[in-house]
Structures are given as C-alpha cells and as structure tokens.
Amino acid sequence: MNIKLIDSLAHIIKSLTLEEQMLLEEKIKTEINENVRLKSSEVLASSANNNDLEEWTNKLQKWSERHPRNIPMLSDYSVSRSGIYEED
C-alpha cells in the first residue's frame, strides 16, 4: 500500500471546492458502477462461452457453501440508517 500516495490524494481532495468534491464523487461512482457492470458482463460472458449456465450456478453454489454459516448476523439497528449514521 502506498501511504504517501493516499496522504497526497487526501490532501488534494481536501483542497477542492465543494462543487469539485461533488463532481469527483459523481465521477468515482460512475467508475465503480462501470467496473461492476464490466465484471458482471465478464461473468455472464464466461458462462455463455461455456454454454452451460447450470455449471456456473453449481460452481457459485459450491463457492458459497465454503463460507462459515455460524457468523453472527447484524442486528436490525446495526444495518439501519440511524445505526450507520450519527444523527445530530
């Protein structure tokens, strides 16, 4: 991890005007959404290339079964807006 780069970026972002920060935030959201869309397309293309959606589904099921099931669930409050954001 490049801590100096992160610190420099944080300094630059803090120096932006509110309008510039909002524009940057929108740009980042757009890039993230595009990356998610591309990765989804790759997964679908991969399964389409194999021409076997059932095989892909089975692999996903096996992958999900490898994860522990005894992890405690979050409470309703923990995932609620008031649990995430501090209300002033």
N, C-alpha and C. Protein backbone atom coordinates (compact mmCIF):
# COMPACT_ATOMS: atom_id res chain seq x y z
N MET A 1 0.84 -1.17 0.00
CA MET A 1 0.00 0.00 0.00
C MET A 1 0.90 1.24 0.00
N ASN A 2 0.55 2.19 -0.81
CA ASN A 2 1.33 3.41 -0.93
C ASN A 2 0.70 4.50 -0.06
N ILE A 3 1.16 4.59 1.18
CA ILE A 3 0.58 5.52 2.15
C ILE A 3 0.83 6.97 1.74
N LYS A 4 2.01 7.26 1.19
CA LYS A 4 2.29 8.64 0.75
C LYS A 4 1.31 9.07 -0.34
N LEU A 5 1.00 8.17 -1.25
CA LEU A 5 0.05 8.49 -2.31
C LEU A 5 -1.33 8.76 -1.73
N ILE A 6 -1.77 7.92 -0.80
CA ILE A 6 -3.06 8.10 -0.16
C ILE A 6 -3.12 9.44 0.57
N ASP A 7 -2.05 9.75 1.32
CA ASP A 7 -2.00 11.03 2.03
C ASP A 7 -2.06 12.21 1.06
N SER A 8 -1.33 12.10 -0.05
CA SER A 8 -1.34 13.17 -1.05
C SER A 8 -2.73 13.35 -1.66
N LEU A 9 -3.37 12.23 -1.97
CA LEU A 9 -4.72 12.31 -2.54
C LEU A 9 -5.69 12.92 -1.55
N ALA A 10 -5.59 12.54 -0.29
CA ALA A 10 -6.47 13.10 0.74
C ALA A 10 -6.25 14.61 0.85
N HIS A 11 -5.01 15.04 0.80
CA HIS A 11 -4.70 16.47 0.86
C HIS A 11 -5.30 17.21 -0.34
N ILE A 12 -5.16 16.62 -1.52
CA ILE A 12 -5.70 17.23 -2.73
C ILE A 12 -7.22 17.33 -2.65
N ILE A 13 -7.85 16.25 -2.21
CA ILE A 13 -9.32 16.24 -2.13
C ILE A 13 -9.80 17.30 -1.13
N LYS A 14 -9.11 17.45 -0.01
CA LYS A 14 -9.49 18.45 0.98
C LYS A 14 -9.37 19.86 0.42
N SER A 15 -8.46 20.06 -0.54
CA SER A 15 -8.26 21.40 -1.10
C SER A 15 -9.28 21.74 -2.19
N LEU A 16 -10.08 20.77 -2.62
CA LEU A 16 -11.09 21.03 -3.65
C LEU A 16 -12.25 21.82 -3.08
N THR A 17 -12.89 22.58 -3.96
CA THR A 17 -14.12 23.27 -3.55
C THR A 17 -15.22 22.23 -3.38
N LEU A 18 -16.31 22.63 -2.74
CA LEU A 18 -17.43 21.72 -2.54
C LEU A 18 -17.95 21.21 -3.89
N GLU A 19 -18.04 22.11 -4.86
CA GLU A 19 -18.52 21.72 -6.20
C GLU A 19 -17.58 20.70 -6.84
N GLU A 20 -16.28 20.92 -6.71
CA GLU A 20 -15.30 19.98 -7.26
C GLU A 20 -15.36 18.64 -6.55
N GLN A 21 -15.56 18.65 -5.23
CA GLN A 21 -15.68 17.41 -4.48
C GLN A 21 -16.90 16.62 -4.92
N MET A 22 -18.01 17.32 -5.15
CA MET A 22 -19.23 16.65 -5.61
C MET A 22 -19.02 16.06 -7.01
N LEU A 23 -18.33 16.79 -7.87
CA LEU A 23 -18.03 16.29 -9.22
C LEU A 23 -17.13 15.06 -9.14
N LEU A 24 -16.14 15.09 -8.27
CA LEU A 24 -15.25 13.95 -8.08
C LEU A 24 -16.02 12.75 -7.55
N GLU A 25 -16.90 12.97 -6.59
CA GLU A 25 -17.70 11.88 -6.04
C GLU A 25 -18.56 11.24 -7.12
N GLU A 26 -19.17 12.05 -7.96
CA GLU A 26 -20.00 11.53 -9.06
C GLU A 26 -19.15 10.73 -10.04
N LYS A 27 -17.96 11.23 -10.34
CA LYS A 27 -17.04 10.53 -11.25
C LYS A 27 -16.65 9.17 -10.68
N ILE A 28 -16.34 9.13 -9.39
CA ILE A 28 -15.95 7.87 -8.75
C ILE A 28 -17.11 6.88 -8.77
N LYS A 29 -18.32 7.35 -8.46
CA LYS A 29 -19.50 6.47 -8.51
C LYS A 29 -19.70 5.90 -9.91
N THR A 30 -19.52 6.75 -10.92
CA THR A 30 -19.68 6.29 -12.30
C THR A 30 -18.65 5.22 -12.64
N GLU A 31 -17.40 5.44 -12.22
CA GLU A 31 -16.34 4.47 -12.48
C GLU A 31 -16.62 3.15 -11.77
N ILE A 32 -17.07 3.21 -10.52
CA ILE A 32 -17.37 2.00 -9.77
C ILE A 32 -18.50 1.23 -10.45
N ASN A 33 -19.56 1.94 -10.82
CA ASN A 33 -20.69 1.29 -11.49
C ASN A 33 -20.25 0.65 -12.81
N GLU A 34 -19.38 1.32 -13.54
CA GLU A 34 -18.88 0.77 -14.80
C GLU A 34 -18.06 -0.49 -14.55
N ASN A 35 -17.22 -0.46 -13.50
CA ASN A 35 -16.42 -1.65 -13.17
C ASN A 35 -17.30 -2.82 -12.78
N VAL A 36 -18.34 -2.56 -11.99
CA VAL A 36 -19.26 -3.62 -11.59
C VAL A 36 -19.97 -4.18 -12.81
N ARG A 37 -20.41 -3.30 -13.71
CA ARG A 37 -21.09 -3.73 -14.93
C ARG A 37 -20.16 -4.59 -15.80
N LEU A 38 -18.91 -4.17 -15.92
CA LEU A 38 -17.96 -4.93 -16.73
C LEU A 38 -17.68 -6.30 -16.13
N LYS A 39 -17.51 -6.35 -14.81
CA LYS A 39 -17.26 -7.64 -14.16
C LYS A 39 -18.47 -8.56 -14.30
N SER A 40 -19.67 -8.01 -14.18
CA SER A 40 -20.88 -8.80 -14.36
C SER A 40 -20.95 -9.34 -15.78
N SER A 41 -20.59 -8.50 -16.73
CA SER A 41 -20.59 -8.92 -18.13
C SER A 41 -19.59 -10.03 -18.36
N GLU A 42 -18.42 -9.92 -17.71
CA GLU A 42 -17.40 -10.96 -17.85
C GLU A 42 -17.89 -12.29 -17.31
N VAL A 43 -18.56 -12.25 -16.17
CA VAL A 43 -19.08 -13.48 -15.58
C VAL A 43 -20.13 -14.09 -16.50
N LEU A 44 -21.04 -13.25 -17.00
CA LEU A 44 -22.08 -13.75 -17.89
C LEU A 44 -21.48 -14.27 -19.19
N ALA A 45 -20.50 -13.55 -19.72
CA ALA A 45 -19.86 -13.98 -20.95
C ALA A 45 -19.14 -15.31 -20.75
N SER A 46 -18.52 -15.45 -19.60
CA SER A 46 -17.82 -16.69 -19.28
C SER A 46 -18.79 -17.87 -19.26
N SER A 47 -19.94 -17.66 -18.61
CA SER A 47 -20.91 -18.75 -18.55
C SER A 47 -21.54 -18.99 -19.91
N ALA A 48 -21.71 -17.90 -20.70
CA ALA A 48 -22.27 -18.06 -22.04
C ALA A 48 -21.29 -18.79 -22.95
N ASN A 49 -19.99 -18.50 -22.78
CA ASN A 49 -18.98 -19.18 -23.58
C ASN A 49 -18.97 -20.67 -23.27
N ASN A 50 -19.15 -21.01 -22.03
CA ASN A 50 -19.23 -22.42 -21.65
C ASN A 50 -20.55 -23.03 -22.10
N ASN A 51 -21.48 -22.13 -22.40
CA ASN A 51 -22.81 -22.54 -22.85
C ASN A 51 -23.46 -23.48 -21.84
N ASP A 52 -23.15 -23.22 -20.57
CA ASP A 52 -23.72 -24.08 -19.55
C ASP A 52 -23.95 -23.28 -18.27
N LEU A 53 -25.08 -22.62 -18.20
CA LEU A 53 -25.41 -21.80 -17.05
C LEU A 53 -25.55 -22.66 -15.80
N GLU A 54 -26.00 -23.87 -15.95
CA GLU A 54 -26.15 -24.76 -14.80
C GLU A 54 -24.80 -25.05 -14.14
N GLU A 55 -23.77 -25.22 -14.94
CA GLU A 55 -22.43 -25.45 -14.41
C GLU A 55 -21.95 -24.25 -13.61
N TRP A 56 -22.18 -23.06 -14.15
CA TRP A 56 -21.79 -21.84 -13.47
C TRP A 56 -22.55 -21.71 -12.15
N THR A 57 -23.83 -22.01 -12.16
CA THR A 57 -24.65 -21.95 -10.95
C THR A 57 -24.15 -22.92 -9.90
N ASN A 58 -23.78 -24.11 -10.32
CA ASN A 58 -23.24 -25.12 -9.39
C ASN A 58 -21.93 -24.64 -8.76
N LYS A 59 -21.07 -24.03 -9.57
CA LYS A 59 -19.81 -23.51 -9.05
C LYS A 59 -20.06 -22.41 -8.03
N LEU A 60 -21.01 -21.54 -8.31
CA LEU A 60 -21.34 -20.47 -7.38
C LEU A 60 -21.89 -21.05 -6.08
N GLN A 61 -22.72 -22.05 -6.19
CA GLN A 61 -23.30 -22.70 -5.00
C GLN A 61 -22.19 -23.33 -4.16
N LYS A 62 -21.26 -24.04 -4.79
CA LYS A 62 -20.17 -24.67 -4.05
C LYS A 62 -19.29 -23.62 -3.38
N TRP A 63 -19.04 -22.51 -4.09
CA TRP A 63 -18.24 -21.44 -3.53
C TRP A 63 -18.92 -20.86 -2.29
N SER A 64 -20.22 -20.63 -2.36
CA SER A 64 -20.93 -20.04 -1.23
C SER A 64 -21.00 -21.00 -0.05
N GLU A 65 -21.01 -22.29 -0.30
CA GLU A 65 -21.08 -23.27 0.77
C GLU A 65 -19.76 -23.38 1.55
N ARG A 66 -18.66 -22.89 0.97
CA ARG A 66 -17.37 -22.93 1.65
C ARG A 66 -17.29 -21.93 2.79
N HIS A 67 -18.19 -20.97 2.82
CA HIS A 67 -18.14 -19.93 3.84
C HIS A 67 -18.85 -20.40 5.11
N PRO A 68 -18.32 -20.00 6.26
CA PRO A 68 -18.92 -20.44 7.52
C PRO A 68 -20.35 -19.90 7.68
N ARG A 69 -21.18 -20.73 8.26
CA ARG A 69 -22.57 -20.34 8.47
C ARG A 69 -22.83 -19.88 9.90
N ASN A 70 -21.84 -19.97 10.76
CA ASN A 70 -22.04 -19.63 12.16
C ASN A 70 -21.62 -18.20 12.49
N ILE A 71 -21.53 -17.36 11.47
CA ILE A 71 -21.18 -15.96 11.68
C ILE A 71 -22.42 -15.24 12.21
N PRO A 72 -22.27 -14.48 13.30
CA PRO A 72 -23.45 -13.80 13.85
C PRO A 72 -23.99 -12.76 12.88
N MET A 73 -25.29 -12.67 12.80
CA MET A 73 -25.95 -11.70 11.93
C MET A 73 -25.94 -10.34 12.61
N LEU A 74 -25.97 -9.28 11.82
CA LEU A 74 -26.07 -7.94 12.38
C LEU A 74 -27.50 -7.69 12.82
N SER A 75 -27.63 -6.88 13.87
CA SER A 75 -28.97 -6.55 14.35
C SER A 75 -29.64 -5.59 13.37
N ASP A 76 -30.95 -5.45 13.48
CA ASP A 76 -31.68 -4.51 12.64
C ASP A 76 -31.16 -3.10 12.84
N TYR A 77 -30.84 -2.76 14.09
CA TYR A 77 -30.31 -1.43 14.37
C TYR A 77 -28.97 -1.22 13.66
N SER A 78 -28.12 -2.23 13.64
CA SER A 78 -26.79 -2.10 13.04
C SER A 78 -26.86 -1.77 11.56
N VAL A 79 -27.86 -2.26 10.88
CA VAL A 79 -27.97 -2.00 9.44
C VAL A 79 -28.96 -0.90 9.12
N SER A 80 -29.54 -0.29 10.16
CA SER A 80 -30.48 0.80 9.92
C SER A 80 -29.72 2.10 9.69
N ARG A 81 -30.38 3.07 9.12
CA ARG A 81 -29.75 4.36 8.86
C ARG A 81 -29.24 4.99 10.15
N SER A 82 -30.05 4.94 11.22
CA SER A 82 -29.61 5.56 12.47
C SER A 82 -28.45 4.79 13.10
N GLY A 83 -28.31 3.52 12.79
CA GLY A 83 -27.19 2.76 13.31
C GLY A 83 -25.91 3.01 12.54
N ILE A 84 -26.05 3.45 11.30
CA ILE A 84 -24.89 3.70 10.45
C ILE A 84 -24.43 5.15 10.56
N TYR A 85 -25.39 6.07 10.52
CA TYR A 85 -25.08 7.50 10.54
C TYR A 85 -25.41 8.08 11.90
N GLU A 86 -24.54 8.93 12.39
CA GLU A 86 -24.81 9.62 13.64
C GLU A 86 -25.74 10.79 13.33
N GLU A 87 -26.86 10.81 13.97
CA GLU A 87 -27.81 11.90 13.78
C GLU A 87 -27.51 12.98 14.80
N ASP A 88 -27.35 14.21 14.33
CA ASP A 88 -27.08 15.34 15.25
C ASP A 88 -28.36 15.97 15.70
